[in-house]
Amino acid sequence: MNQNLPQELDRESLNQLSKEQLVEMIIEQNKVIRELQKIIYELHLELERLKVSRDG
């Protein structure tokens, strides 16, 4: 499960990156965050659906 985790970032390694590299990293992180938010929302909907079917 941990195989897909991104590498750890520290201040020293980030300071060595160019502005363009940092911007690209932020854009990619934003894509991942949006996808994770979508997954969380879908899981929340599924959880609510399961609660209703269990209680109904």
PDB file of N, CA and C in Angstrom:
ATOM      1  N   MET A   1       0.816  -1.196   0.000  1.00  0.00           N
ATOM      2  CA  MET A   1       0.000   0.000   0.000  1.00  0.00           C
ATOM      3  C   MET A   1       0.861   1.262   0.000  1.00  0.00           C
ATOM      4  N   ASN A   2       1.976   1.249   0.659  1.00  0.00           N
ATOM      5  CA  ASN A   2       2.846   2.420   0.729  1.00  0.00           C
ATOM      6  C   ASN A   2       3.658   2.659  -0.534  1.00  0.00           C
ATOM      7  N   GLN A   3       3.549   1.782  -1.521  1.00  0.00           N
ATOM      8  CA  GLN A   3       4.364   1.911  -2.725  1.00  0.00           C
ATOM      9  C   GLN A   3       4.018   3.153  -3.540  1.00  0.00           C
ATOM     10  N   ASN A   4       2.787   3.651  -3.448  1.00  0.00           N
ATOM     11  CA  ASN A   4       2.370   4.792  -4.243  1.00  0.00           C
ATOM     12  C   ASN A   4       2.474   6.122  -3.507  1.00  0.00           C
ATOM     13  N   LEU A   5       3.049   6.103  -2.324  1.00  0.00           N
ATOM     14  CA  LEU A   5       3.191   7.335  -1.574  1.00  0.00           C
ATOM     15  C   LEU A   5       4.277   8.204  -2.194  1.00  0.00           C
ATOM     16  N   PRO A   6       4.044   9.521  -2.232  1.00  0.00           N
ATOM     17  CA  PRO A   6       5.083  10.405  -2.768  1.00  0.00           C
ATOM     18  C   PRO A   6       6.270  10.486  -1.817  1.00  0.00           C
ATOM     19  N   GLN A   7       7.379  10.933  -2.359  1.00  0.00           N
ATOM     20  CA  GLN A   7       8.567  11.047  -1.528  1.00  0.00           C
ATOM     21  C   GLN A   7       8.381  12.146  -0.497  1.00  0.00           C
ATOM     22  N   GLU A   8       9.081  12.011   0.598  1.00  0.00           N
ATOM     23  CA  GLU A   8       9.066  13.037   1.629  1.00  0.00           C
ATOM     24  C   GLU A   8       9.809  14.262   1.104  1.00  0.00           C
ATOM     25  N   LEU A   9       9.268  15.429   1.373  1.00  0.00           N
ATOM     26  CA  LEU A   9       9.918  16.666   0.946  1.00  0.00           C
ATOM     27  C   LEU A   9      10.361  17.442   2.170  1.00  0.00           C
ATOM     28  N   ASP A  10      11.552  17.962   2.093  1.00  0.00           N
ATOM     29  CA  ASP A  10      12.033  18.806   3.177  1.00  0.00           C
ATOM     30  C   ASP A  10      12.451  20.154   2.606  1.00  0.00           C
ATOM     31  N   ARG A  11      12.631  21.097   3.476  1.00  0.00           N
ATOM     32  CA  ARG A  11      12.957  22.465   3.056  1.00  0.00           C
ATOM     33  C   ARG A  11      14.231  22.515   2.211  1.00  0.00           C
ATOM     34  N   GLU A  12      15.204  21.755   2.595  1.00  0.00           N
ATOM     35  CA  GLU A  12      16.482  21.777   1.872  1.00  0.00           C
ATOM     36  C   GLU A  12      16.320  21.324   0.419  1.00  0.00           C
ATOM     37  N   SER A  13      15.602  20.213   0.216  1.00  0.00           N
ATOM     38  CA  SER A  13      15.416  19.725  -1.153  1.00  0.00           C
ATOM     39  C   SER A  13      14.518  20.662  -1.961  1.00  0.00           C
ATOM     40  N   LEU A  14      13.508  21.243  -1.315  1.00  0.00           N
ATOM     41  CA  LEU A  14      12.636  22.180  -2.034  1.00  0.00           C
ATOM     42  C   LEU A  14      13.377  23.452  -2.427  1.00  0.00           C
ATOM     43  N   ASN A  15      14.292  23.904  -1.595  1.00  0.00           N
ATOM     44  CA  ASN A  15      15.079  25.102  -1.911  1.00  0.00           C
ATOM     45  C   ASN A  15      15.975  24.911  -3.119  1.00  0.00           C
ATOM     46  N   GLN A  16      16.270  23.686  -3.464  1.00  0.00           N
ATOM     47  CA  GLN A  16      17.136  23.405  -4.605  1.00  0.00           C
ATOM     48  C   GLN A  16      16.375  23.376  -5.930  1.00  0.00           C
ATOM     49  N   LEU A  17      15.055  23.395  -5.877  1.00  0.00           N
ATOM     50  CA  LEU A  17      14.240  23.340  -7.086  1.00  0.00           C
ATOM     51  C   LEU A  17      14.063  24.734  -7.684  1.00  0.00           C
ATOM     52  N   SER A  18      13.890  24.760  -8.995  1.00  0.00           N
ATOM     53  CA  SER A  18      13.634  26.029  -9.671  1.00  0.00           C
ATOM     54  C   SER A  18      12.185  26.444  -9.441  1.00  0.00           C
ATOM     55  N   LYS A  19      11.900  27.695  -9.750  1.00  0.00           N
ATOM     56  CA  LYS A  19      10.534  28.188  -9.622  1.00  0.00           C
ATOM     57  C   LYS A  19       9.598  27.363 -10.511  1.00  0.00           C
ATOM     58  N   GLU A  20      10.023  27.060 -11.715  1.00  0.00           N
ATOM     59  CA  GLU A  20       9.201  26.274 -12.634  1.00  0.00           C
ATOM     60  C   GLU A  20       8.906  24.879 -12.075  1.00  0.00           C
ATOM     61  N   GLN A  21       9.904  24.283 -11.465  1.00  0.00           N
ATOM     62  CA  GLN A  21       9.714  22.960 -10.864  1.00  0.00           C
ATOM     63  C   GLN A  21       8.720  23.028  -9.697  1.00  0.00           C
ATOM     64  N   LEU A  22       8.829  24.072  -8.901  1.00  0.00           N
ATOM     65  CA  LEU A  22       7.915  24.240  -7.767  1.00  0.00           C
ATOM     66  C   LEU A  22       6.485  24.474  -8.244  1.00  0.00           C
ATOM     67  N   VAL A  23       6.333  25.293  -9.281  1.00  0.00           N
ATOM     68  CA  VAL A  23       4.999  25.547  -9.832  1.00  0.00           C
ATOM     69  C   VAL A  23       4.411  24.250 -10.365  1.00  0.00           C
ATOM     70  N   GLU A  24       5.191  23.476 -11.075  1.00  0.00           N
ATOM     71  CA  GLU A  24       4.708  22.200 -11.608  1.00  0.00           C
ATOM     72  C   GLU A  24       4.315  21.256 -10.471  1.00  0.00           C
ATOM     73  N   MET A  25       5.091  21.239  -9.417  1.00  0.00           N
ATOM     74  CA  MET A  25       4.790  20.393  -8.272  1.00  0.00           C
ATOM     75  C   MET A  25       3.472  20.808  -7.630  1.00  0.00           C
ATOM     76  N   ILE A  26       3.262  22.112  -7.491  1.00  0.00           N
ATOM     77  CA  ILE A  26       2.016  22.607  -6.900  1.00  0.00           C
ATOM     78  C   ILE A  26       0.823  22.236  -7.768  1.00  0.00           C
ATOM     79  N   ILE A  27       0.958  22.371  -9.070  1.00  0.00           N
ATOM     80  CA  ILE A  27      -0.122  22.009  -9.986  1.00  0.00           C
ATOM     81  C   ILE A  27      -0.443  20.528  -9.865  1.00  0.00           C
ATOM     82  N   GLU A  28       0.563  19.693  -9.827  1.00  0.00           N
ATOM     83  CA  GLU A  28       0.343  18.245  -9.704  1.00  0.00           C
ATOM     84  C   GLU A  28      -0.285  17.900  -8.361  1.00  0.00           C
ATOM     85  N   GLN A  29       0.163  18.542  -7.297  1.00  0.00           N
ATOM     86  CA  GLN A  29      -0.423  18.300  -5.981  1.00  0.00           C
ATOM     87  C   GLN A  29      -1.888  18.715  -5.955  1.00  0.00           C
ATOM     88  N   ASN A  30      -2.199  19.815  -6.631  1.00  0.00           N
ATOM     89  CA  ASN A  30      -3.580  20.260  -6.688  1.00  0.00           C
ATOM     90  C   ASN A  30      -4.460  19.237  -7.395  1.00  0.00           C
ATOM     91  N   LYS A  31      -3.951  18.630  -8.460  1.00  0.00           N
ATOM     92  CA  LYS A  31      -4.700  17.585  -9.165  1.00  0.00           C
ATOM     93  C   LYS A  31      -4.972  16.401  -8.240  1.00  0.00           C
ATOM     94  N   VAL A  32      -3.962  16.009  -7.488  1.00  0.00           N
ATOM     95  CA  VAL A  32      -4.109  14.887  -6.562  1.00  0.00           C
ATOM     96  C   VAL A  32      -5.107  15.235  -5.454  1.00  0.00           C
ATOM     97  N   ILE A  33      -5.009  16.437  -4.919  1.00  0.00           N
ATOM     98  CA  ILE A  33      -5.927  16.862  -3.863  1.00  0.00           C
ATOM     99  C   ILE A  33      -7.355  16.854  -4.366  1.00  0.00           C
ATOM    100  N   ARG A  34      -7.584  17.375  -5.568  1.00  0.00           N
ATOM    101  CA  ARG A  34      -8.941  17.402  -6.128  1.00  0.00           C
ATOM    102  C   ARG A  34      -9.474  15.984  -6.317  1.00  0.00           C
ATOM    103  N   GLU A  35      -8.644  15.081  -6.778  1.00  0.00           N
ATOM    104  CA  GLU A  35      -9.066  13.695  -6.962  1.00  0.00           C
ATOM    105  C   GLU A  35      -9.384  13.045  -5.615  1.00  0.00           C
ATOM    106  N   LEU A  36      -8.570  13.301  -4.615  1.00  0.00           N
ATOM    107  CA  LEU A  36      -8.826  12.761  -3.282  1.00  0.00           C
ATOM    108  C   LEU A  36     -10.116  13.328  -2.692  1.00  0.00           C
ATOM    109  N   GLN A  37     -10.370  14.617  -2.916  1.00  0.00           N
ATOM    110  CA  GLN A  37     -11.615  15.211  -2.445  1.00  0.00           C
ATOM    111  C   GLN A  37     -12.814  14.559  -3.124  1.00  0.00           C
ATOM    112  N   LYS A  38     -12.681  14.268  -4.406  1.00  0.00           N
ATOM    113  CA  LYS A  38     -13.753  13.599  -5.140  1.00  0.00           C
ATOM    114  C   LYS A  38     -14.006  12.205  -4.562  1.00  0.00           C
ATOM    115  N   ILE A  39     -12.945  11.479  -4.293  1.00  0.00           N
ATOM    116  CA  ILE A  39     -13.073  10.133  -3.726  1.00  0.00           C
ATOM    117  C   ILE A  39     -13.723  10.202  -2.344  1.00  0.00           C
ATOM    118  N   ILE A  40     -13.291  11.145  -1.526  1.00  0.00           N
ATOM    119  CA  ILE A  40     -13.870  11.298  -0.188  1.00  0.00           C
ATOM    120  C   ILE A  40     -15.354  11.604  -0.292  1.00  0.00           C
ATOM    121  N   TYR A  41     -15.739  12.490  -1.202  1.00  0.00           N
ATOM    122  CA  TYR A  41     -17.142  12.833  -1.380  1.00  0.00           C
ATOM    123  C   TYR A  41     -17.946  11.607  -1.805  1.00  0.00           C
ATOM    124  N   GLU A  42     -17.416  10.846  -2.765  1.00  0.00           N
ATOM    125  CA  GLU A  42     -18.108   9.644  -3.227  1.00  0.00           C
ATOM    126  C   GLU A  42     -18.242   8.607  -2.108  1.00  0.00           C
ATOM    127  N   LEU A  43     -17.218   8.455  -1.298  1.00  0.00           N
ATOM    128  CA  LEU A  43     -17.283   7.530  -0.170  1.00  0.00           C
ATOM    129  C   LEU A  43     -18.298   8.001   0.867  1.00  0.00           C
ATOM    130  N   HIS A  44     -18.362   9.308   1.078  1.00  0.00           N
ATOM    131  CA  HIS A  44     -19.348   9.866   2.004  1.00  0.00           C
ATOM    132  C   HIS A  44     -20.768   9.558   1.512  1.00  0.00           C
ATOM    133  N   LEU A  45     -21.007   9.749   0.215  1.00  0.00           N
ATOM    134  CA  LEU A  45     -22.321   9.441  -0.350  1.00  0.00           C
ATOM    135  C   LEU A  45     -22.654   7.960  -0.188  1.00  0.00           C
ATOM    136  N   GLU A  46     -21.679   7.113  -0.425  1.00  0.00           N
ATOM    137  CA  GLU A  46     -21.893   5.669  -0.297  1.00  0.00           C
ATOM    138  C   GLU A  46     -22.180   5.308   1.160  1.00  0.00           C
ATOM    139  N   LEU A  47     -21.468   5.909   2.087  1.00  0.00           N
ATOM    140  CA  LEU A  47     -21.704   5.670   3.504  1.00  0.00           C
ATOM    141  C   LEU A  47     -23.122   6.083   3.893  1.00  0.00           C
ATOM    142  N   GLU A  48     -23.554   7.241   3.432  1.00  0.00           N
ATOM    143  CA  GLU A  48     -24.919   7.687   3.716  1.00  0.00           C
ATOM    144  C   GLU A  48     -25.934   6.735   3.101  1.00  0.00           C
ATOM    145  N   ARG A  49     -25.679   6.256   1.896  1.00  0.00           N
ATOM    146  CA  ARG A  49     -26.586   5.314   1.246  1.00  0.00           C
ATOM    147  C   ARG A  49     -26.681   4.019   2.046  1.00  0.00           C
ATOM    148  N   LEU A  50     -25.551   3.543   2.535  1.00  0.00           N
ATOM    149  CA  LEU A  50     -25.540   2.308   3.327  1.00  0.00           C
ATOM    150  C   LEU A  50     -26.253   2.503   4.664  1.00  0.00           C
ATOM    151  N   LYS A  51     -26.094   3.681   5.273  1.00  0.00           N
ATOM    152  CA  LYS A  51     -26.785   3.959   6.532  1.00  0.00           C
ATOM    153  C   LYS A  51     -28.291   3.944   6.323  1.00  0.00           C
ATOM    154  N   VAL A  52     -28.749   4.558   5.247  1.00  0.00           N
ATOM    155  CA  VAL A  52     -30.185   4.621   4.958  1.00  0.00           C
ATOM    156  C   VAL A  52     -30.735   3.229   4.702  1.00  0.00           C
ATOM    157  N   SER A  53     -30.015   2.424   3.908  1.00  0.00           N
ATOM    158  CA  SER A  53     -30.511   1.084   3.597  1.00  0.00           C
ATOM    159  C   SER A  53     -30.494   0.188   4.833  1.00  0.00           C
ATOM    160  N   ARG A  54     -29.561   0.400   5.738  1.00  0.00           N
ATOM    161  CA  ARG A  54     -29.500  -0.384   6.975  1.00  0.00           C
ATOM    162  C   ARG A  54     -30.627   0.015   7.920  1.00  0.00           C
ATOM    163  N   ASP A  55     -30.897   1.311   8.001  1.00  0.00           N
ATOM    164  CA  ASP A  55     -31.930   1.806   8.915  1.00  0.00           C
ATOM    165  C   ASP A  55     -33.339   1.658   8.338  1.00  0.00           C
ATOM    166  N   GLY A  56     -33.431   1.574   7.015  1.00  0.00           N
ATOM    167  CA  GLY A  56     -34.746   1.547   6.367  1.00  0.00           C
ATOM    168  C   GLY A  56     -35.310   0.199   6.331  1.00  0.00           C
TER     169      GLY A  56
END
